Amino acid sequence: MAIINLFKSDFTDFAKEIVTLKDLAVSIKRYPSGIESLTIRNAQGYVEVLPYMGQIIWDLNFKGQSLRLHSIFDMPRKANTIIDTYGCFAFHSGLLANGCPSPEDNHPMHGEFSVTDIHKAYLEVGEDYISIISECDYCQGFGYHYVAKPKVTLKSNQSCIDIDMEVTNKTYIKMPLQYMCHMNYAYFDDAVITSNMPDSAFKLRESIPAHVHPTQQWLAYNEKLKELQKEGKTLSVLNDKAMYDPEIVFMADDLSVYGEDAVFEMKAGDITCFTQYKTSDFKSATRWIMYNEDLKVAAFVLPATCRPEGAKAAERMGTIIYLEPNETKTFHVITGLR
């Protein structure tokens, strides 16, 4: 294994390759917006990461198919919150608070980490894999201090990636932790969503966040979904896209009671997307579907430690994790194409 340190000054307006290993290669560039980008490729495709901006995964492309949502963003933009650059395949939502803030919350949309400025990044190069690792030393005056190490790994000839997050509390008191691996998969017509978790575990979101503006048609469709829910079923076939604006959101809690490993798939034609993880890492999950001219997304599973309804809601439900001083928590997700 070899470690290759990266520096922001290495990233220029012209893409350049910096590592080759069998079918693996790494290239770097800087967007016109000033955001640094790193791409790891293999024989199956590539993953594009923003190593200094919350280690956002900007794009995931395998077998010639981009798997990220359709959006209005043609490139990553400098941002104060994730909605200022919402064109990515995945981002890390959290870490002190997660989700859409309610009127009683004071945290940013999807938390402070999603677009945080990171100063250190490096590559780990093994015999048959390459990882990009970012290190964030987050300090808050009269607040919390943690070190977060997100990592993305692409292996030789694989059409999936590993996403890891490691968080260590450096504060002298215990620290709250809320985390969601927010993967924004593309919308595919007539896609079928399946998993080894029961449909009955997923409940339609009852709360309506500030960014959602209901229509009468949407409210009526939600009533139909509630009737489906009474039968122990959930939205699993994406064949009614006129009803997915505004967003349709389902949430599941306590998934660990159904098994140690969660496996979700979304099939459309000859494409099969999948995500798998340990329910001991993520006890909650969200399904987010939206379709309009500006945004098309089928986030068939968003693994999380809690629901995405803000810190106060998580506090009431007792789902906030607390890290003791110097305690470390890790998370691991595998996702991509079968």
Protein backbone atom coordinates (compact mmCIF):
# COMPACT_ATOMS: atom_id res chain seq x y z
CA MET A 1 0.00 0.00 0.00
CA ALA A 2 1.20 3.52 -0.81
CA ILE A 3 0.01 6.94 0.38
CA ILE A 4 0.03 9.89 -2.03
CA ASN A 5 -0.60 13.29 -0.46
CA LEU A 6 -2.62 15.78 -2.47
CA PHE A 7 -2.41 19.56 -2.51
CA LYS A 8 -4.94 22.09 -3.80
CA SER A 9 -2.19 23.65 -5.91
CA ASP A 10 -1.98 20.36 -7.87
CA PHE A 11 -5.48 20.93 -9.28
CA THR A 12 -5.54 23.03 -12.44
CA ASP A 13 -8.04 24.00 -15.14
CA PHE A 14 -6.80 21.13 -17.29
CA ALA A 15 -7.41 17.50 -16.28
CA LYS A 16 -4.27 15.47 -15.71
CA GLU A 17 -3.65 11.87 -14.76
CA ILE A 18 -1.58 11.36 -11.63
CA VAL A 19 -1.82 7.60 -10.93
CA THR A 20 -2.14 4.46 -13.07
CA LEU A 21 -2.41 0.93 -11.67
CA LYS A 22 -3.55 -1.97 -13.86
CA ASP A 23 -7.05 -0.90 -14.98
CA LEU A 24 -7.20 1.84 -12.31
CA ALA A 25 -6.31 5.48 -12.93
CA VAL A 26 -6.69 8.78 -11.08
CA SER A 27 -7.09 12.18 -12.71
CA ILE A 28 -7.58 15.62 -11.17
CA LYS A 29 -8.90 18.98 -12.36
CA ARG A 30 -10.43 22.23 -11.15
CA TYR A 31 -13.84 23.37 -12.34
CA PRO A 32 -14.38 26.96 -13.60
CA SER A 33 -16.27 27.47 -10.31
CA GLY A 34 -12.98 26.88 -8.48
CA ILE A 35 -13.98 23.49 -7.01
CA GLU A 36 -11.32 20.75 -7.06
CA SER A 37 -12.35 17.37 -8.53
CA LEU A 38 -10.72 13.92 -8.47
CA THR A 39 -11.82 10.98 -10.62
CA ILE A 40 -10.91 7.33 -10.08
CA ARG A 41 -11.50 5.07 -13.11
CA ASN A 42 -11.46 1.37 -13.79
CA ALA A 43 -12.57 -0.87 -16.66
CA GLN A 44 -16.23 -0.54 -15.59
CA GLY A 45 -16.49 3.23 -15.18
CA TYR A 46 -15.58 5.94 -12.71
CA VAL A 47 -16.39 7.83 -9.55
CA GLU A 48 -15.84 11.60 -9.30
CA VAL A 49 -15.20 13.08 -5.86
CA LEU A 50 -14.78 16.64 -4.52
CA PRO A 51 -12.04 15.92 -1.95
CA TYR A 52 -12.02 19.38 -0.35
CA MET A 53 -15.77 20.05 -0.29
CA GLY A 54 -17.34 17.66 2.22
CA GLN A 55 -15.94 14.85 0.05
CA ILE A 56 -19.07 15.09 -2.04
CA ILE A 57 -19.37 12.32 -4.64
CA TRP A 58 -20.26 14.40 -7.67
CA ASP A 59 -20.82 11.58 -10.14
CA LEU A 60 -20.91 7.80 -10.32
CA ASN A 61 -20.83 6.25 -13.78
CA PHE A 62 -20.64 2.53 -14.58
CA LYS A 63 -21.20 0.62 -17.82
CA GLY A 64 -21.69 3.94 -19.62
CA GLN A 65 -24.56 5.02 -17.33
CA SER A 66 -24.40 8.03 -15.02
CA LEU A 67 -26.19 7.11 -11.81
CA ARG A 68 -26.63 10.59 -10.35
CA LEU A 69 -29.84 12.57 -10.27
CA HIS A 70 -30.86 14.93 -13.06
CA SER A 71 -30.58 18.54 -11.84
CA ILE A 72 -30.04 22.12 -12.99
CA PHE A 73 -26.37 22.11 -11.87
CA ASP A 74 -23.85 21.63 -14.67
CA MET A 75 -20.92 21.70 -12.24
CA PRO A 76 -20.33 21.94 -8.48
CA ARG A 77 -20.69 25.48 -7.12
CA LYS A 78 -19.27 27.19 -4.06
CA ALA A 79 -21.91 26.77 -1.39
CA ASN A 80 -22.99 27.61 2.15
CA THR A 81 -25.41 24.65 2.24
CA ILE A 82 -25.87 21.59 0.06
CA ILE A 83 -28.86 23.07 -1.78
CA ASP A 84 -26.49 25.66 -3.31
CA THR A 85 -24.80 22.85 -5.26
CA TYR A 86 -27.47 20.14 -5.46
CA GLY A 87 -26.29 18.22 -8.52
CA CYS A 88 -24.27 15.45 -6.89
CA PHE A 89 -24.62 11.69 -6.70
CA ALA A 90 -24.01 11.60 -2.95
CA PHE A 91 -23.05 13.69 0.06
CA HIS A 92 -22.50 13.20 3.78
CA SER A 93 -25.45 14.67 5.67
CA GLY A 94 -24.70 15.61 9.28
CA LEU A 95 -22.70 15.32 11.44
CA LEU A 96 -23.89 17.30 14.44
CA ALA A 97 -27.38 17.51 12.94
CA ASN A 98 -29.02 15.93 9.92
CA GLY A 99 -31.94 16.47 7.61
CA CYS A 100 -34.38 19.29 6.97
CA PRO A 101 -34.50 21.69 9.91
CA SER A 102 -37.88 22.35 11.45
CA PRO A 103 -38.85 25.88 12.58
CA GLU A 104 -37.46 25.02 16.03
CA ASP A 105 -34.07 23.90 14.67
CA ASN A 106 -31.10 26.21 14.06
CA HIS A 107 -28.85 23.95 11.96
CA PRO A 108 -28.35 24.26 8.18
CA MET A 109 -30.14 22.03 5.69
CA HIS A 110 -28.57 18.55 5.95
CA GLY A 111 -26.04 19.69 8.51
CA GLU A 112 -22.72 21.48 8.68
CA PHE A 113 -20.56 18.77 7.09
CA SER A 114 -22.21 18.40 3.68
CA VAL A 115 -20.25 21.27 2.06
CA THR A 116 -17.59 21.85 4.72
CA ASP A 117 -14.20 23.15 3.63
CA ILE A 118 -11.60 20.38 3.98
CA HIS A 119 -7.86 21.09 4.02
CA LYS A 120 -6.29 17.61 3.82
CA ALA A 121 -6.77 14.84 1.26
CA TYR A 122 -4.68 11.90 0.11
CA LEU A 123 -4.81 8.71 -1.94
CA GLU A 124 -4.36 5.20 -0.61
CA VAL A 125 -3.16 2.90 -3.38
CA GLY A 126 -3.33 -0.86 -2.89
CA GLU A 127 -2.72 -3.83 -5.17
CA ASP A 128 -6.23 -3.77 -6.64
CA TYR A 129 -7.91 -0.64 -5.30
CA ILE A 130 -7.54 3.12 -4.91
CA SER A 131 -9.14 5.15 -2.12
CA ILE A 132 -9.51 8.90 -1.77
CA ILE A 133 -9.47 9.95 1.89
CA SER A 134 -10.27 13.42 3.21
CA GLU A 135 -9.65 14.60 6.76
CA CYS A 136 -11.73 17.34 8.35
CA ASP A 137 -10.76 18.83 11.70
CA TYR A 138 -13.98 20.62 12.63
CA CYS A 139 -13.73 23.18 15.43
CA GLN A 140 -16.52 25.32 16.81
CA GLY A 141 -15.76 28.10 19.28
CA PHE A 142 -17.71 27.36 22.51
CA GLY A 143 -19.03 24.25 20.74
CA TYR A 144 -17.94 20.90 19.40
CA HIS A 145 -14.69 19.59 17.97
CA TYR A 146 -14.44 16.44 15.86
CA VAL A 147 -12.25 14.80 13.23
CA ALA A 148 -14.10 13.23 10.30
CA LYS A 149 -12.49 10.99 7.67
CA PRO A 150 -14.74 10.22 4.71
CA LYS A 151 -13.33 7.72 2.21
CA VAL A 152 -14.37 6.47 -1.24
CA THR A 153 -12.82 3.30 -2.67
CA LEU A 154 -12.93 1.92 -6.21
CA LYS A 155 -11.60 -1.59 -6.78
CA SER A 156 -10.23 -3.09 -9.97
CA ASN A 157 -12.93 -4.14 -12.46
CA GLN A 158 -15.76 -3.47 -9.98
CA SER A 159 -18.97 -1.60 -10.88
CA CYS A 160 -19.55 -0.42 -7.32
CA ILE A 161 -17.81 1.72 -4.72
CA ASP A 162 -17.25 1.59 -0.96
CA ILE A 163 -18.24 4.71 0.99
CA ASP A 164 -16.81 5.02 4.50
CA MET A 165 -17.14 7.63 7.22
CA GLU A 166 -15.14 7.76 10.46
CA VAL A 167 -15.98 10.34 13.14
CA THR A 168 -13.99 10.95 16.34
CA ASN A 169 -15.19 13.26 19.11
CA LYS A 170 -12.34 15.55 20.17
CA THR A 171 -14.52 17.59 22.53
CA TYR A 172 -14.05 17.21 26.29
CA ILE A 173 -17.76 16.39 26.66
CA LYS A 174 -20.01 13.96 24.80
CA MET A 175 -21.04 15.03 21.31
CA PRO A 176 -24.28 14.39 19.38
CA LEU A 177 -23.96 12.54 16.08
CA GLN A 178 -26.53 12.33 13.30
CA TYR A 179 -25.44 10.94 9.95
CA MET A 180 -27.03 10.04 6.63
CA CYS A 181 -25.25 8.69 3.55
CA HIS A 182 -27.35 10.70 1.10
CA MET A 183 -27.18 8.95 -2.30
CA ASN A 184 -29.14 10.70 -5.05
CA TYR A 185 -29.70 7.98 -7.63
CA ALA A 186 -31.05 8.81 -11.08
CA TYR A 187 -34.73 8.32 -11.86
CA PHE A 188 -35.50 5.48 -14.28
CA ASP A 189 -38.97 5.04 -15.78
CA ASP A 190 -40.82 1.97 -14.50
CA ALA A 191 -38.01 1.07 -12.12
CA VAL A 192 -38.83 -1.58 -9.51
CA ILE A 193 -37.49 -1.17 -5.98
CA THR A 194 -36.94 -4.25 -3.82
CA SER A 195 -35.09 -5.11 -0.63
CA ASN A 196 -34.66 -7.77 2.05
CA MET A 197 -36.43 -5.42 4.46
CA PRO A 198 -40.26 -5.69 4.63
CA ASP A 199 -42.32 -3.07 2.78
CA SER A 200 -44.30 -2.58 5.98
CA ALA A 201 -41.21 -1.06 7.63
CA PHE A 202 -41.52 2.05 5.44
CA LYS A 203 -43.98 4.73 6.51
CA LEU A 204 -45.02 7.76 4.51
CA ARG A 205 -43.64 11.00 5.94
CA GLU A 206 -46.36 12.85 7.86
CA SER A 207 -44.53 16.14 8.41
CA ILE A 208 -44.22 18.65 5.57
CA PRO A 209 -40.91 20.58 5.58
CA ALA A 210 -40.75 24.24 4.57
CA HIS A 211 -39.34 23.53 1.09
CA VAL A 212 -42.34 21.34 0.14
CA HIS A 213 -45.38 23.13 -1.30
CA PRO A 214 -48.30 20.66 -1.51
CA THR A 215 -50.87 20.67 -4.32
CA GLN A 216 -54.34 19.14 -4.09
CA GLN A 217 -53.26 16.44 -6.54
CA TRP A 218 -50.23 15.61 -4.40
CA LEU A 219 -52.29 15.49 -1.20
CA ALA A 220 -54.78 13.13 -2.82
CA TYR A 221 -51.96 10.87 -4.01
CA ASN A 222 -50.52 10.79 -0.50
CA GLU A 223 -53.89 9.54 0.77
CA LYS A 224 -53.69 6.68 -1.74
CA LEU A 225 -50.21 5.83 -0.48
CA LYS A 226 -51.53 5.78 3.08
CA GLU A 227 -54.18 3.25 2.04
CA LEU A 228 -51.45 1.15 0.41
CA GLN A 229 -49.49 1.40 3.63
CA LYS A 230 -52.40 -0.08 5.60
CA GLU A 231 -51.97 -3.22 3.47
CA GLY A 232 -48.32 -3.47 4.50
CA LYS A 233 -47.12 -2.20 1.10
CA THR A 234 -45.14 0.80 -0.09
CA LEU A 235 -44.29 2.65 -3.31
CA SER A 236 -42.07 0.19 -5.17
CA VAL A 237 -42.76 0.76 -8.90
CA LEU A 238 -41.93 4.17 -10.40
CA ASN A 239 -44.70 4.43 -12.97
CA ASP A 240 -46.60 7.57 -11.94
CA LYS A 241 -44.06 10.38 -12.24
CA ALA A 242 -46.72 13.11 -12.49
CA MET A 243 -47.41 12.41 -8.80
CA TYR A 244 -43.82 12.82 -7.62
CA ASP A 245 -43.80 16.63 -7.55
CA PRO A 246 -43.42 17.71 -4.84
CA GLU A 247 -41.34 14.93 -3.36
CA ILE A 248 -42.59 11.62 -2.01
CA VAL A 249 -40.74 10.47 1.12
CA PHE A 250 -40.92 7.23 3.08
CA MET A 251 -39.00 6.49 6.28
CA ALA A 252 -38.16 3.33 8.20
CA ASP A 253 -36.92 2.92 11.76
CA ASP A 254 -35.27 0.13 13.77
CA LEU A 255 -34.21 -1.87 10.71
CA SER A 256 -31.86 -3.94 12.85
CA VAL A 257 -34.86 -5.98 14.06
CA TYR A 258 -35.18 -7.41 10.52
CA GLY A 259 -31.57 -8.56 10.12
CA GLU A 260 -27.92 -7.59 10.25
CA ASP A 261 -27.52 -6.77 6.55
CA ALA A 262 -29.75 -4.44 4.53
CA VAL A 263 -29.75 -4.91 0.75
CA PHE A 264 -31.77 -2.63 -1.55
CA GLU A 265 -32.07 -2.80 -5.33
CA MET A 266 -33.63 -0.69 -8.07
CA LYS A 267 -34.11 -2.48 -11.40
CA ALA A 268 -34.92 -0.81 -14.71
CA GLY A 269 -34.43 -2.80 -17.91
CA ASP A 270 -30.91 -4.22 -17.88
CA ILE A 271 -29.80 -1.83 -15.10
CA THR A 272 -29.74 -2.98 -11.48
CA CYS A 273 -28.61 -0.44 -8.91
CA PHE A 274 -27.92 -1.68 -5.39
CA THR A 275 -26.95 -0.46 -1.93
CA GLN A 276 -25.99 -2.62 1.02
CA TYR A 277 -24.89 -1.90 4.58
CA LYS A 278 -25.03 -3.11 8.17
CA THR A 279 -28.18 -2.19 10.09
CA SER A 280 -26.00 -1.83 13.19
CA ASP A 281 -24.44 1.20 11.44
CA PHE A 282 -27.71 2.64 10.13
CA LYS A 283 -30.89 1.78 12.00
CA SER A 284 -33.03 4.14 9.89
CA ALA A 285 -33.61 4.54 6.16
CA THR A 286 -35.37 7.02 3.89
CA ARG A 287 -36.74 6.66 0.36
CA TRP A 288 -36.96 9.91 -1.61
CA ILE A 289 -38.66 10.18 -5.01
CA MET A 290 -39.07 13.39 -7.00
CA TYR A 291 -39.71 14.17 -10.66
CA ASN A 292 -40.02 17.53 -12.42
CA GLU A 293 -38.20 19.42 -15.17
CA ASP A 294 -35.47 20.65 -12.82
CA LEU A 295 -34.92 17.59 -10.63
CA LYS A 296 -35.39 13.88 -11.28
CA VAL A 297 -34.27 11.55 -8.50
CA ALA A 298 -35.01 8.06 -7.20
CA ALA A 299 -33.10 7.78 -3.95
CA PHE A 300 -34.32 4.25 -3.29
CA VAL A 301 -32.54 4.11 0.06
CA LEU A 302 -30.74 6.70 2.18
CA PRO A 303 -29.11 4.89 5.13
CA ALA A 304 -29.08 6.96 8.30
CA THR A 305 -28.79 6.90 12.07
CA CYS A 306 -32.14 8.71 12.37
CA ARG A 307 -34.97 10.24 10.37
CA PRO A 308 -34.15 13.33 8.24
CA GLU A 309 -36.57 15.65 10.06
CA GLY A 310 -34.03 17.75 11.95
CA ALA A 311 -32.22 17.60 15.27
CA LYS A 312 -35.19 18.38 17.51
CA ALA A 313 -37.27 15.59 15.98
CA ALA A 314 -34.40 13.12 16.46
CA GLU A 315 -34.01 14.28 20.05
CA ARG A 316 -37.71 13.63 20.72
CA MET A 317 -37.48 10.17 19.16
CA GLY A 318 -34.32 9.32 21.09
CA THR A 319 -32.33 8.48 17.94
CA ILE A 320 -29.37 10.84 18.39
CA ILE A 321 -26.08 8.99 18.90
CA TYR A 322 -23.71 10.47 21.48
CA LEU A 323 -19.95 9.99 21.25
CA GLU A 324 -17.92 10.15 24.43
CA PRO A 325 -14.65 12.16 24.39
CA ASN A 326 -12.16 10.48 21.99
CA GLU A 327 -14.74 7.88 20.97
CA THR A 328 -14.82 6.91 17.28
CA LYS A 329 -17.80 5.71 15.21
CA THR A 330 -17.48 4.23 11.71
CA PHE A 331 -19.98 3.69 8.88
CA HIS A 332 -19.70 1.62 5.70
CA VAL A 333 -21.86 1.47 2.54
CA ILE A 334 -21.41 -0.40 -0.74
CA THR A 335 -23.31 0.93 -3.75
CA GLY A 336 -23.33 0.83 -7.55
CA LEU A 337 -24.45 -1.57 -10.29
CA ARG A 338 -24.85 -5.33 -10.20
